[in-house]
Amino acid sequence: MSSRSEVTVTCPKCNNEHPFTMWRSINTQLDPEMRAAVKDRSAFLFECPTCGEKTYVDYGTLYHQMEDKIMIHYANSDENAEEIYNMLKEDDPDGMGMFRSMREENYLIRIVRSQNELREKINIFDAGLDDRIIEIIKLFLVAKYQEDHPGHQSIALYFRQEEDKGIIEIYADNQYAGNYVIPEGFYEDLSKQYEGKIPDMRKDEPFIDRQWAIENLNPDKKKERSAQ
């Protein structure tokens, strides 16, 4: 089921207080409109009734695409990510039975740390793709971008599907810096290279990100994953 609560939000512009709906958990089978609301971030958007100021409210949520057996936890703090991770660990004797049963039911479970990562995971899975292969492609791309454009403090890449094309948006120091169209056949070729070398995507660990890609391309750097 979906779970939501009403909270009070203070407008950052006029300082007036207004109610705002936080979705603590989202079940897209019960509330199908929320699938698009998460992808376009309107689920996190507060528009002040007094002055019209728009701002995004950051809160953690559980996104449950029940019809596809997909569950994505958005943890908006390291502490929350650690708590979720510990509940998911197979060797955790205090793990909640709910998560264990979902693993047994072949659920695809992920943990993300930003709204953009949440949107990206949905975009990837809605396109029928493996997020691990996308992370490897992104790692190649970020290395190339750093080589061509040195000096940036941070580079973030996010996947989206546009018609039949896979596109990776590039943000350098939080500014949009362009996009990269994945060449036709490249994703498929890379998938074949990793076939049999990585587990079924529904059996893999919940953190699939740049660090995961680094560790799998450089096995000597692999270590026990945690939320930190």
Foldseek 3Di string as FASTA:
>chain_A
DKDKDWDWDQDPPPRDIDIDIATQEDECVVVVVVLVCLLVVVNQWDQDPPPRDIDGHDDWHWYAPPVVLEIETADQDLVSQQVVQLLQDPPNPPRDPVNVVSLVVLHQYAYHHDSQVVSQVSQQVVLVHQVLLVLLVVLVVVVVVCVVDPDFPDKDWGWHDDPPWIKIWIATNNHTDGIDTDDPPPSVVSCVVCVVVDDDSSNDRRYRHNVVSVCVVPVVPDDDDGSD
